[in-house]
N, C-alpha and C. Protein backbone atom coordinates (compact mmCIF):
# COMPACT_ATOMS: atom_id res chain seq x y z
N UNK A 1 12.87 36.05 -21.53
CA UNK A 1 13.13 36.86 -22.39
C UNK A 1 14.17 37.64 -22.13
N UNK A 2 15.53 38.01 -22.93
CA UNK A 2 16.40 38.95 -22.57
C UNK A 2 16.55 39.93 -23.63
N UNK A 3 17.06 41.40 -23.09
CA UNK A 3 17.45 42.61 -23.77
C UNK A 3 18.71 42.69 -23.94
N UNK A 4 19.07 43.44 -25.07
CA UNK A 4 20.59 43.72 -24.83
C UNK A 4 20.76 45.21 -24.47
N UNK A 5 21.51 45.77 -23.47
CA UNK A 5 22.08 46.74 -23.19
C UNK A 5 23.46 46.96 -22.98
N UNK A 6 23.74 48.34 -22.74
CA UNK A 6 25.22 48.67 -22.84
C UNK A 6 25.31 49.41 -21.29
N UNK A 7 26.36 49.01 -20.65
CA UNK A 7 26.64 49.27 -19.21
C UNK A 7 28.13 49.41 -19.09
N UNK A 8 28.40 50.57 -18.58
CA UNK A 8 29.84 51.13 -18.39
C UNK A 8 30.50 50.59 -17.09
N UNK A 9 31.42 49.83 -16.79
CA UNK A 9 31.94 49.15 -15.65
C UNK A 9 33.18 49.76 -15.41
N UNK A 10 33.94 49.58 -14.13
CA UNK A 10 34.87 50.11 -14.06
C UNK A 10 35.67 49.01 -14.12
N UNK A 11 37.02 48.95 -14.72
CA UNK A 11 37.87 47.78 -15.19
C UNK A 11 38.16 46.92 -14.50
N UNK A 12 38.26 47.33 -13.22
CA UNK A 12 38.69 46.44 -12.21
C UNK A 12 37.08 45.61 -11.81
N UNK A 13 35.90 46.12 -11.50
CA UNK A 13 35.20 45.26 -11.49
C UNK A 13 34.52 44.20 -12.73
N UNK A 14 34.97 44.88 -13.80
CA UNK A 14 34.81 44.07 -14.97
C UNK A 14 35.65 42.74 -14.73
N UNK A 15 36.87 42.81 -14.56
CA UNK A 15 37.99 41.72 -14.42
C UNK A 15 37.55 40.93 -13.33
N UNK A 16 36.73 41.49 -12.10
CA UNK A 16 36.60 40.62 -11.21
C UNK A 16 35.32 39.66 -11.54
N UNK A 17 34.57 40.40 -12.12
CA UNK A 17 33.14 39.67 -12.69
C UNK A 17 33.34 38.54 -13.57
N UNK A 18 34.39 38.82 -14.36
CA UNK A 18 34.71 37.89 -15.47
C UNK A 18 35.65 36.62 -14.55
N UNK A 19 36.44 36.74 -13.60
CA UNK A 19 37.08 35.75 -12.94
C UNK A 19 35.99 35.11 -12.30
N UNK A 20 35.16 35.69 -11.71
CA UNK A 20 34.10 35.03 -10.87
C UNK A 20 33.07 34.43 -11.74
N UNK A 21 32.61 34.82 -12.82
CA UNK A 21 31.92 34.09 -14.05
C UNK A 21 32.75 32.56 -14.43
N UNK A 22 34.03 32.76 -14.65
CA UNK A 22 34.70 31.57 -14.87
C UNK A 22 34.56 30.52 -13.65
N UNK A 23 35.01 30.91 -12.58
CA UNK A 23 34.94 30.07 -11.25
C UNK A 23 33.79 29.43 -11.31
N UNK A 24 32.73 29.92 -11.34
CA UNK A 24 31.15 29.54 -11.02
C UNK A 24 30.62 28.96 -12.36
N UNK A 25 31.27 29.15 -13.41
CA UNK A 25 31.35 28.32 -14.50
C UNK A 25 29.80 28.77 -15.32
N UNK A 26 29.55 30.35 -15.32
CA UNK A 26 28.35 30.88 -15.78
C UNK A 26 29.00 32.26 -16.50
N UNK A 27 28.12 32.79 -17.32
CA UNK A 27 28.44 33.77 -18.15
C UNK A 27 28.53 35.16 -17.20
N UNK A 28 28.91 36.04 -17.64
CA UNK A 28 29.12 37.50 -17.06
C UNK A 28 27.64 38.07 -17.00
N UNK A 29 26.86 37.94 -18.01
CA UNK A 29 25.64 38.32 -18.17
C UNK A 29 24.76 37.65 -17.16
N UNK A 30 24.75 36.37 -16.99
CA UNK A 30 24.26 35.62 -15.89
C UNK A 30 24.47 35.84 -14.51
N UNK A 31 25.69 36.40 -14.33
CA UNK A 31 26.26 36.74 -12.73
C UNK A 31 25.50 37.97 -12.54
N UNK A 32 25.66 39.04 -13.64
CA UNK A 32 25.03 40.41 -13.34
C UNK A 32 23.43 40.18 -13.01
N UNK A 33 22.88 39.53 -13.94
CA UNK A 33 21.25 39.12 -13.83
C UNK A 33 21.21 38.64 -12.59
N UNK A 34 21.76 37.68 -12.16
CA UNK A 34 21.56 37.10 -10.44
C UNK A 34 21.83 38.05 -9.83
N UNK A 35 22.68 38.82 -9.80
CA UNK A 35 23.10 39.86 -8.77
C UNK A 35 21.92 40.91 -8.67
N UNK A 36 21.56 41.34 -9.70
CA UNK A 36 20.63 42.45 -9.85
C UNK A 36 19.30 41.96 -9.31
N UNK A 37 18.70 40.63 -9.55
CA UNK A 37 17.96 40.20 -9.24
C UNK A 37 17.69 40.17 -7.73
N UNK A 38 18.92 39.68 -7.09
CA UNK A 38 19.00 39.50 -5.67
C UNK A 38 18.83 40.90 -4.94
N UNK A 39 19.63 41.85 -5.71
CA UNK A 39 19.35 43.10 -5.21
C UNK A 39 18.00 43.82 -5.04
N UNK A 40 17.46 43.33 -6.09
CA UNK A 40 15.76 43.79 -6.31
C UNK A 40 14.91 43.17 -5.44
N UNK A 41 15.34 42.02 -5.11
CA UNK A 41 14.56 40.93 -4.32
C UNK A 41 14.53 41.46 -2.66
N UNK A 42 15.88 42.15 -2.10
CA UNK A 42 16.15 42.59 -1.07
C UNK A 42 15.39 43.94 -0.71
N UNK A 43 15.25 44.63 -2.02
CA UNK A 43 14.60 46.09 -1.92
C UNK A 43 13.09 45.55 -1.74
N UNK A 44 12.64 44.67 -2.23
CA UNK A 44 11.17 44.42 -2.21
C UNK A 44 10.64 44.00 -0.50
N UNK A 45 11.85 43.06 0.05
CA UNK A 45 11.77 42.57 1.49
C UNK A 45 11.83 44.00 2.28
N UNK A 46 12.71 44.63 1.81
CA UNK A 46 12.76 46.13 2.65
C UNK A 46 11.55 46.93 2.83
N UNK A 47 11.01 47.02 1.62
CA UNK A 47 9.64 47.54 1.69
C UNK A 47 8.40 46.82 2.25
N UNK A 48 8.42 45.62 2.33
CA UNK A 48 7.72 44.90 3.13
C UNK A 48 7.73 44.94 4.72
N UNK A 49 9.04 45.11 4.85
CA UNK A 49 9.29 45.18 6.48
C UNK A 49 8.81 46.83 6.75
N UNK A 50 9.11 47.89 5.89
CA UNK A 50 8.67 49.18 6.12
C UNK A 50 7.00 49.28 6.32
N UNK A 51 6.49 48.31 5.35
CA UNK A 51 4.86 48.58 5.38
C UNK A 51 4.74 47.99 6.89
N UNK A 52 5.05 46.82 7.22
CA UNK A 52 4.42 46.24 8.47
C UNK A 52 4.87 46.85 9.64
N UNK A 53 5.94 47.71 9.72
CA UNK A 53 6.40 48.53 11.10
C UNK A 53 5.93 49.72 10.80
N UNK A 54 4.86 50.39 9.77
CA UNK A 54 4.39 51.69 9.64
C UNK A 54 3.69 51.95 10.86
N UNK A 55 3.30 51.35 11.53
CA UNK A 55 1.98 51.57 12.70
C UNK A 55 3.08 51.79 13.89
N UNK A 56 4.15 51.49 13.96
CA UNK A 56 4.77 51.39 15.17
C UNK A 56 5.22 52.66 15.87
N UNK A 57 5.58 52.83 17.03
CA UNK A 57 5.77 54.07 17.67
C UNK A 57 7.33 54.42 17.06
N UNK A 58 7.14 55.80 16.69
CA UNK A 58 8.63 56.32 16.80
C UNK A 58 9.43 56.67 17.85
N UNK A 59 10.60 56.38 17.88
CA UNK A 59 11.61 56.63 19.21
C UNK A 59 12.77 57.64 18.35
N UNK A 60 12.63 58.76 19.30
CA UNK A 60 13.56 59.65 18.63
C UNK A 60 15.23 59.37 18.98
N UNK A 61 16.09 59.82 18.37
CA UNK A 61 17.47 59.55 18.79
C UNK A 61 17.89 59.90 20.00
N UNK A 62 17.30 61.05 20.41
CA UNK A 62 17.82 61.61 21.72
C UNK A 62 16.94 60.65 22.95
N UNK A 63 16.01 60.01 22.72
CA UNK A 63 15.43 59.10 23.54
C UNK A 63 16.11 58.04 23.80
N UNK A 64 16.60 57.47 22.60
CA UNK A 64 17.50 56.30 22.74
C UNK A 64 19.08 56.42 23.57
N UNK A 65 19.17 57.84 23.39
CA UNK A 65 20.42 58.36 23.91
C UNK A 65 20.25 58.25 25.63
N UNK A 66 19.34 58.65 26.25
CA UNK A 66 18.76 58.95 27.12
C UNK A 66 18.50 57.56 27.99
N UNK A 67 18.11 56.51 27.35
CA UNK A 67 17.92 55.33 27.67
C UNK A 67 19.03 54.60 28.17
N UNK A 68 19.99 55.06 27.10
CA UNK A 68 21.42 54.32 27.17
C UNK A 68 22.23 54.80 28.56
N UNK A 69 21.93 56.11 28.48
CA UNK A 69 22.54 56.86 29.79
C UNK A 69 22.02 56.16 31.12
N UNK A 70 20.87 55.80 31.25
CA UNK A 70 20.01 55.16 32.33
C UNK A 70 20.65 53.69 32.57
N UNK A 71 20.83 53.13 31.37
CA UNK A 71 21.62 51.88 31.58
C UNK A 71 22.94 51.69 31.98
N UNK A 72 23.74 52.79 31.69
CA UNK A 72 24.90 52.88 32.22
C UNK A 72 25.01 53.07 33.79
N UNK A 73 24.11 53.73 34.36
CA UNK A 73 24.18 54.03 35.97
C UNK A 73 23.74 52.99 36.37
N UNK A 74 22.82 52.05 35.96
CA UNK A 74 22.50 50.99 36.47
C UNK A 74 23.59 49.61 36.73
N UNK A 75 24.28 49.83 35.98
CA UNK A 75 25.50 48.77 35.94
C UNK A 75 26.30 48.72 37.14
């Protein structure tokens, strides 16, 4: 099912989308739908990774810096 909506795009973005759509042999709508679907899929994967790592120990930035300094002196 598809729905109609209005989206305002920068003219250079629209031009690039039209050229890419022509090159790929698809419509601009299909290109935008695929791009948005891929972005949302990545968000879902990120959320899953966050859930999986929720119980990991937190390391502060300061601790990481200290460990880097130790590594430098060992070289």
